[in-house]
């Protein structure tokens, strides 16, 4: 009984450690994602600042109206606002990771990119692995504990056989020999406690059955969690592919728009819209990538698999 209770607590502790590990991983991804967003908007700010300078040069030459300069200036102010917001999100993400990891924020400024290859196996692989998850092991030990208590209650109906060894030594009287005596005593003990042990056995039997039902329900919940994480991972893979395709298109479109604006084929508004689309595509690509990694780690931990540091 004591062994089952101890093992159950050990498995529950390991489960909490795994959950904490995922919280740290998720916070780590949030920091890298926020940092990537800041980088994307900083690139946008450089592009818009260059456009402000270009619009001013064109205006000096009489090629564009003053509205182009004003429009570019407004767009620069909007980008700087977005940059301040992104930097704030980055600082909050750093603070959260620092809280979870116990590492000072200044030591988290240059985090390494995760070196992980997302290798998605069939769903059945993760469902089978999830059966050995720590929380399920803890519940199995709880069932064993109730089974042991039931056995203890049942044993009170049976006689107890005992064997006892007794060793006695005395040198107070020099005439007595031998001075050490070893004896063995055996016997049978029978204790009648009425019907109390019977009801105790029934009670622990009911608790064992309840723990078994809870185990089955918990297993279903774990499998559902694995299925949800698996499907979300597949969606995250598709989102990353779409984001990367959109980014490639936005980069080509922006380069084309710059040439067309330089040749006065399109207006500055259209150029700024192309630049904004490029930034959104960059941000979406960064977020989609780290979301994919987060979902992959979520699936591993939900399945009870070891997560590489």
Protein backbone atom coordinates (compact mmCIF):
# COMPACT_ATOMS: atom_id res chain seq x y z
CA UNK A 1 0.00 0.00 0.00
CA UNK A 2 2.77 2.45 0.92
CA UNK A 3 4.71 1.54 -2.20
CA UNK A 4 1.70 2.19 -4.46
CA UNK A 5 1.00 5.55 -2.82
CA UNK A 6 4.63 6.59 -3.16
CA UNK A 7 4.81 5.61 -6.83
CA UNK A 8 1.54 7.42 -7.53
CA UNK A 9 2.93 10.64 -6.05
CA UNK A 10 6.17 10.22 -8.01
CA UNK A 11 4.27 9.88 -11.28
CA UNK A 12 2.10 12.92 -10.47
CA UNK A 13 5.26 14.91 -9.76
CA UNK A 14 6.73 13.88 -13.11
CA UNK A 15 3.49 14.92 -14.82
CA UNK A 16 3.71 18.37 -13.24
CA UNK A 17 7.33 18.66 -14.34
CA UNK A 18 6.33 17.81 -17.93
CA UNK A 19 3.58 20.43 -17.85
CA UNK A 20 6.03 23.00 -16.53
CA UNK A 21 8.48 22.01 -19.24
CA UNK A 22 5.87 22.74 -21.90
CA UNK A 23 5.10 26.11 -20.29
CA UNK A 24 8.78 27.00 -20.58
CA UNK A 25 8.95 25.77 -24.19
CA UNK A 26 5.84 27.76 -25.07
CA UNK A 27 7.26 30.89 -23.43
CA UNK A 28 10.55 30.34 -25.29
CA UNK A 29 8.68 30.18 -28.60
CA UNK A 30 6.74 33.32 -27.67
CA UNK A 31 10.01 35.21 -27.15
CA UNK A 32 11.46 34.09 -30.49
CA UNK A 33 8.18 34.81 -32.26
CA UNK A 34 7.89 38.29 -30.72
CA UNK A 35 11.51 39.00 -31.58
CA UNK A 36 10.88 37.93 -35.19
CA UNK A 37 7.88 40.24 -35.40
CA UNK A 38 9.98 43.14 -34.11
CA UNK A 39 12.60 42.40 -36.75
CA UNK A 40 9.97 42.31 -39.51
CA UNK A 41 8.48 45.66 -38.47
CA UNK A 42 11.95 47.20 -38.16
CA UNK A 43 12.55 46.18 -41.79
CA UNK A 44 9.22 47.77 -42.64
CA UNK A 45 10.22 50.96 -40.87
CA UNK A 46 13.45 51.13 -42.88
CA UNK A 47 11.50 50.64 -46.11
CA UNK A 48 8.92 53.32 -45.25
CA UNK A 49 11.62 55.75 -44.11
CA UNK A 50 13.32 55.29 -47.47
CA UNK A 51 9.99 55.89 -49.16
CA UNK A 52 9.55 59.14 -47.21
CA UNK A 53 12.95 60.29 -48.46
CA UNK A 54 12.07 59.21 -52.00
CA UNK A 55 8.75 61.04 -51.92
CA UNK A 56 10.46 64.20 -50.67
CA UNK A 57 13.03 63.97 -53.48
CA UNK A 58 10.30 63.48 -56.08
CA UNK A 59 8.38 66.41 -54.63
CA UNK A 60 11.43 68.66 -54.86
CA UNK A 61 11.67 67.74 -58.54
CA UNK A 62 7.98 68.39 -59.06
CA UNK A 63 7.23 64.78 -59.94
CA UNK A 64 4.68 64.18 -57.16
CA UNK A 65 2.30 66.27 -55.09
CA UNK A 66 2.86 67.20 -51.46
CA UNK A 67 0.19 64.66 -50.55
CA UNK A 68 2.65 61.87 -51.34
CA UNK A 69 5.08 63.23 -48.77
CA UNK A 70 2.33 63.59 -46.18
CA UNK A 71 0.98 60.15 -46.94
CA UNK A 72 4.41 58.58 -46.52
CA UNK A 73 4.89 60.46 -43.24
CA UNK A 74 1.58 59.19 -41.87
CA UNK A 75 2.50 55.67 -42.86
CA UNK A 76 5.85 56.02 -41.06
CA UNK A 77 4.07 57.13 -37.89
CA UNK A 78 1.77 54.10 -38.10
CA UNK A 79 4.74 51.76 -38.51
CA UNK A 80 6.52 53.33 -35.53
CA UNK A 81 3.37 52.80 -33.48
CA UNK A 82 3.25 49.15 -34.53
CA UNK A 83 6.94 48.81 -33.71
CA UNK A 84 6.43 50.14 -30.17
CA UNK A 85 3.62 47.64 -29.65
CA UNK A 86 5.73 44.76 -30.97
CA UNK A 87 8.65 45.77 -28.74
CA UNK A 88 6.28 45.84 -25.76
CA UNK A 89 5.05 42.33 -26.59
CA UNK A 90 8.66 41.20 -26.82
CA UNK A 91 9.47 42.60 -23.37
CA UNK A 92 6.40 40.92 -21.88
CA UNK A 93 7.40 37.60 -23.46
CA UNK A 94 10.90 37.98 -22.02
CA UNK A 95 9.50 38.67 -18.56
CA UNK A 96 7.25 35.61 -18.73
CA UNK A 97 10.12 33.33 -19.79
CA UNK A 98 12.29 34.79 -17.04
CA UNK A 99 9.56 34.08 -14.49
CA UNK A 100 9.19 30.47 -15.58
CA UNK A 101 12.88 29.68 -15.99
CA UNK A 102 14.34 31.75 -13.17
CA UNK A 103 16.88 33.24 -15.60
CA UNK A 104 17.36 37.04 -15.60
CA UNK A 105 15.90 38.83 -18.62
CA UNK A 106 19.26 40.24 -19.72
CA UNK A 107 20.53 36.67 -20.18
CA UNK A 108 17.61 35.83 -22.48
CA UNK A 109 18.26 38.48 -25.12
CA UNK A 110 20.19 36.18 -27.45
CA UNK A 111 18.24 32.95 -27.43
CA UNK A 112 19.30 30.21 -29.83
CA UNK A 113 16.97 29.04 -32.55
CA UNK A 114 15.53 25.59 -31.71
CA UNK A 115 17.23 22.82 -33.65
CA UNK A 116 14.31 20.49 -34.09
CA UNK A 117 13.06 18.60 -37.10
CA UNK A 118 9.31 18.20 -37.10
CA UNK A 119 8.86 14.51 -37.84
CA UNK A 120 5.16 13.68 -37.72
CA UNK A 121 4.41 9.99 -37.29
CA UNK A 122 1.00 8.31 -37.70
CA UNK A 123 -1.61 9.13 -35.07
CA UNK A 124 -1.67 5.55 -33.77
CA UNK A 125 1.97 5.90 -32.71
CA UNK A 126 1.14 8.81 -30.41
CA UNK A 127 -2.01 7.15 -29.05
CA UNK A 128 -0.04 4.04 -28.08
CA UNK A 129 2.69 6.10 -26.47
CA UNK A 130 0.15 8.14 -24.49
CA UNK A 131 -0.90 5.01 -22.57
CA UNK A 132 2.39 5.24 -20.67
CA UNK A 133 1.92 8.88 -19.72
CA UNK A 134 2.75 9.63 -16.09
CA UNK A 135 -0.75 10.72 -15.12
CA UNK A 136 -2.13 7.36 -16.27
CA UNK A 137 0.61 5.50 -14.40
CA UNK A 138 -0.32 7.43 -11.27
CA UNK A 139 -3.96 6.40 -11.62
CA UNK A 140 -2.96 2.75 -12.09
CA UNK A 141 -0.99 2.96 -8.85
CA UNK A 142 -4.07 4.44 -7.13
CA UNK A 143 -6.02 1.37 -8.24
CA UNK A 144 -3.30 -0.85 -6.82
CA UNK A 145 -3.47 1.06 -3.52
CA UNK A 146 -7.22 0.44 -3.16
CA UNK A 147 -6.66 -3.20 -4.09
CA UNK A 148 -4.06 -3.46 -1.32
CA UNK A 149 -6.42 -1.86 1.21
CA UNK A 150 -9.10 -4.30 0.16
CA UNK A 151 -6.69 -7.16 0.73
CA UNK A 152 -5.76 -5.84 4.16
CA UNK A 153 -9.42 -5.65 5.18
CA UNK A 154 -10.08 -9.14 3.83
CA UNK A 155 -7.11 -10.59 5.70
CA UNK A 156 -8.71 -9.71 9.02
CA UNK A 157 -11.04 -12.70 8.56
CA UNK A 158 -8.16 -15.17 8.52
CA UNK A 159 -6.03 -16.51 11.39
CA UNK A 160 -2.53 -15.12 11.66
CA UNK A 161 0.43 -17.45 11.82
CA UNK A 162 3.48 -16.05 13.54
CA UNK A 163 7.03 -17.17 14.38
CA UNK A 164 9.12 -15.26 16.90
CA UNK A 165 12.80 -15.58 17.78
CA UNK A 166 13.95 -14.60 21.31
CA UNK A 167 17.57 -14.14 22.39
CA UNK A 168 18.48 -13.62 26.08
CA UNK A 169 21.92 -13.02 27.59
CA UNK A 170 22.90 -12.51 31.27
CA UNK A 171 26.23 -12.69 33.20
CA UNK A 172 24.91 -11.62 36.60
CA UNK A 173 25.33 -15.12 38.07
CA UNK A 174 28.65 -16.79 37.18
CA UNK A 175 27.27 -20.23 38.12
CA UNK A 176 24.60 -20.18 35.44
CA UNK A 177 25.59 -21.61 32.10
CA UNK A 178 24.99 -21.05 29.28
CA UNK A 179 24.71 -17.33 29.68
CA UNK A 180 22.95 -16.80 26.32
CA UNK A 181 19.70 -18.48 25.39
CA UNK A 182 17.96 -18.48 21.99
CA UNK A 183 14.38 -19.58 21.65
CA UNK A 184 11.76 -19.85 18.92
CA UNK A 185 8.08 -19.35 19.58
CA UNK A 186 5.30 -20.03 17.08
CA UNK A 187 1.57 -19.84 17.26
CA UNK A 188 -1.76 -18.93 15.72
CA UNK A 189 -3.74 -15.77 16.51
CA UNK A 190 -7.37 -15.31 15.68
CA UNK A 191 -9.14 -12.01 16.12
CA UNK A 192 -12.87 -11.69 15.63
CA UNK A 193 -14.04 -8.17 14.81
CA UNK A 194 -17.58 -8.87 13.79
CA UNK A 195 -18.69 -7.77 10.33
CA UNK A 196 -16.60 -4.60 10.32
CA UNK A 197 -13.84 -6.07 8.06
CA UNK A 198 -16.53 -7.27 5.66
CA UNK A 199 -17.87 -3.75 5.17
CA UNK A 200 -14.33 -2.38 4.91
CA UNK A 201 -13.64 -4.81 2.10
CA UNK A 202 -16.83 -3.77 0.33
CA UNK A 203 -15.92 -0.09 0.76
CA UNK A 204 -12.42 -0.47 -0.64
CA UNK A 205 -13.77 -2.66 -3.42
CA UNK A 206 -16.15 0.13 -4.41
CA UNK A 207 -13.29 2.64 -4.30
CA UNK A 208 -11.18 0.34 -6.49
CA UNK A 209 -13.99 0.09 -9.01
CA UNK A 210 -14.43 3.86 -8.95
CA UNK A 211 -10.68 4.36 -9.51
CA UNK A 212 -10.86 1.95 -12.45
CA UNK A 213 -13.71 3.95 -14.01
CA UNK A 214 -11.74 7.16 -13.44
CA UNK A 215 -8.76 5.58 -15.16
CA UNK A 216 -10.85 4.71 -18.22
CA UNK A 217 -12.25 8.24 -18.33
CA UNK A 218 -8.76 9.72 -17.91
CA UNK A 219 -7.43 7.51 -20.70
CA UNK A 220 -10.16 8.78 -23.02
CA UNK A 221 -9.31 12.38 -22.11
CA UNK A 222 -5.60 11.81 -22.75
CA UNK A 223 -6.34 10.21 -26.12
CA UNK A 224 -8.64 13.10 -27.01
CA UNK A 225 -5.89 15.54 -26.05
CA UNK A 226 -3.46 13.66 -28.30
CA UNK A 227 -5.90 13.68 -31.22
CA UNK A 228 -6.53 17.41 -30.79
CA UNK A 229 -2.80 18.16 -30.62
CA UNK A 230 -2.20 15.98 -33.68
CA UNK A 231 -4.86 17.73 -35.76
CA UNK A 232 -3.65 21.17 -34.64
CA UNK A 233 -0.13 20.20 -35.67
CA UNK A 234 -1.31 19.24 -39.15
CA UNK A 235 -3.16 22.57 -39.42
CA UNK A 236 -0.02 24.39 -38.25
CA UNK A 237 1.97 22.67 -41.01
CA UNK A 238 -0.55 23.83 -43.61
CA UNK A 239 -0.55 27.36 -42.17
CA UNK A 240 3.23 27.55 -42.46
CA UNK A 241 3.15 26.41 -46.09
CA UNK A 242 0.52 29.03 -46.92
CA UNK A 243 2.43 31.73 -45.04
CA UNK A 244 5.69 30.91 -46.81
CA UNK A 245 3.99 30.95 -50.22
CA UNK A 246 2.33 34.28 -49.42
CA UNK A 247 5.69 35.70 -48.30
CA UNK A 248 7.41 34.66 -51.53
CA UNK A 249 4.62 36.29 -53.55
CA UNK A 250 4.64 39.47 -51.43
CA UNK A 251 8.42 39.87 -51.83
CA UNK A 252 8.19 39.64 -55.63
CA UNK A 253 5.17 41.95 -55.72
CA UNK A 254 6.90 44.57 -53.59
CA UNK A 255 10.00 44.57 -55.76
CA UNK A 256 7.82 44.98 -58.84
CA UNK A 257 5.85 47.77 -57.16
CA UNK A 258 9.06 49.68 -56.36
CA UNK A 259 10.09 49.59 -60.01
CA UNK A 260 6.64 50.68 -61.14
CA UNK A 261 6.58 53.57 -58.67
CA UNK A 262 10.03 54.68 -59.73
CA UNK A 263 8.71 54.83 -63.29
CA UNK A 264 5.52 56.58 -62.12
CA UNK A 265 3.35 53.70 -63.27
CA UNK A 266 1.61 53.26 -59.92
CA UNK A 267 0.83 55.68 -57.12
CA UNK A 268 2.58 55.85 -53.78
CA UNK A 269 -0.55 54.53 -52.09
CA UNK A 270 -0.28 51.33 -54.10
CA UNK A 271 3.41 51.06 -53.22
CA UNK A 272 2.71 51.49 -49.52
CA UNK A 273 -0.02 48.86 -49.72
CA UNK A 274 2.44 46.45 -51.32
CA UNK A 275 4.93 47.20 -48.55
CA UNK A 276 2.28 46.63 -45.88
CA UNK A 277 1.33 43.30 -47.48
CA UNK A 278 4.97 42.25 -47.41
CA UNK A 279 5.26 43.05 -43.71
CA UNK A 280 2.07 41.16 -42.90
CA UNK A 281 3.40 38.18 -44.84
CA UNK A 282 6.68 38.31 -42.91
CA UNK A 283 4.90 38.52 -39.59
CA UNK A 284 2.51 35.71 -40.50
CA UNK A 285 5.42 33.52 -41.59
CA UNK A 286 7.28 34.07 -38.31
CA UNK A 287 4.19 33.38 -36.19
CA UNK A 288 3.27 30.29 -38.23
CA UNK A 289 6.75 28.81 -37.86
CA UNK A 290 6.91 29.09 -34.09
CA UNK A 291 3.30 28.00 -33.78
CA UNK A 292 4.25 24.84 -35.65
CA UNK A 293 7.09 24.14 -33.22
CA UNK A 294 4.84 24.83 -30.23
CA UNK A 295 2.19 22.40 -31.50
CA UNK A 296 4.85 19.77 -32.16
CA UNK A 297 6.12 19.97 -28.60
CA UNK A 298 2.55 19.93 -27.32
CA UNK A 299 1.93 16.67 -29.17
CA UNK A 300 5.12 15.10 -27.79
CA UNK A 301 4.26 15.98 -24.20
CA UNK A 302 0.59 14.97 -24.58
CA UNK A 303 1.84 11.59 -25.84
CA UNK A 304 4.25 11.15 -22.94
CA UNK A 305 7.28 11.22 -25.23
CA UNK A 306 10.66 12.55 -24.17
CA UNK A 307 11.32 16.12 -25.26
CA UNK A 308 14.87 16.83 -26.31
CA UNK A 309 16.41 19.91 -24.62
